[in-house]
Amino acid sequence: MTPINLPPGGEVTSSQKSKRQIVFAGLRLAAGIAILVYLARSGIISLGALSKLIVAWPITLGAIGVFLVDIFLMALRTSWLFRPLGMKLTVWKSMQLTLVSIFFATFLPGAGGGDLVKLYYATKENAGRRTEVATVLMFDRAIGFFAMLILPFFFVPMFLPLIQAVPMLRHILILTAYLSGGLLAAFLLCAFNQSISHFLARESLTLPRWRKLACRVLETIGIYGQSPGTLLGALVLSLLANLSVIAITVLAVLVLDPASLSSKMYLVIPIGHVVNALPLTPGGLGVGETALNALFKLTGLQGGAETLLCWRVWKAMVGLLGLAIYVRGVSEVVFVSDSDSAEQRTI
């Protein structure tokens, strides 16, 4: 679409930025594919093993069912997080957003993946509160990521001898603990420390547009500081959703190599999915497989790369539901209360 009323310089800059984003996304995708090719040629991944998904079709159907439960829990979490702001997102609409974002993240991976698609549909008819809607969606992702970070520590007491015997695993858990603490500290600072908002509110600061944007983001996060029940509920839902991710991954092991099933997986699978969530390649392609394979080896297990690839195939199957929703069309998803709408019109 051609930009309207932009000076020639701005048009060129926008075009160059789009080209850089496309090139960067292409490089990330190429890196992910290259890693998978390397894993296949080195014998770490056997693509033929994925044919077992067809033979074990009851387990495949079960995994898809658990995936849908996972999506429902995430959709419910997102719906809850909009309530303190006086906004409404139904669970069904939230599920539609999640499924469409999964489709785009899986089949059309780019610089932002499915998150940008989700953000587009959620904000396109909420012009007055786009910043708040975007902040809620980012906060929603952050809570899910935080829950996956802390999930391994619920299983740590069961595997203390293993952790003591494997120094690398111990170091990974310590690093995960520091990262979890850093995220929690950042939230507490944004939600309860008013000095940052007061500093950004100073008229003497440059870049007034970005200053006001940062203030609105902090104000939105601060609202959650006054809604501990919502935060606790969102965290519990995230933990349950991430437990379902572990269940799906274990089902993948059950299909590929039932003899490899071990309770030690509960400790390392969440860490593997944390690495898979890092935006190093689109959807963690290749990186997640390498990480889970290394984590499995640390604990004396095999087949981590094939396991995550199997999980990815099941996720792609679920993503096809997102394609159907996308073709059908997604209507307005976030509703603002009448009082909030009137307030926005007066700003």
Foldseek 3Di string as FASTA:
>chain_A
DQDPPDPPVVRVVVVVVVVVQQVVQVVLAVVLVVLVVVCVVVPQDDPVLLVLCVVVVVLLVVLLVLLLVLLLLLLVLLQLLCVLVQKGFDSVLSSLLVLLQLLQLQPVFGLCGSLVVSLCQACVPPVLCSLLSNLSSVVSVLLLLLLLLCQLVVCCVVQVVLCVVQVVLVVLNVVSVVVSVVSVVVLCCLQPPCVVLVVLPDPPDPPVVVSVSVNSSSVSSNSVVVVVVSSVSSNVSSNVSVVSVLVSLLSLCCSSPVVQDDPCSSNQVSVLVSQQPDVSHRSSRSVSLVRQQVSLVSSPGGSSNNSVVSVSVSSNVSSVVSVVSVVVPRDHRMGHDPVVVVVSVVD
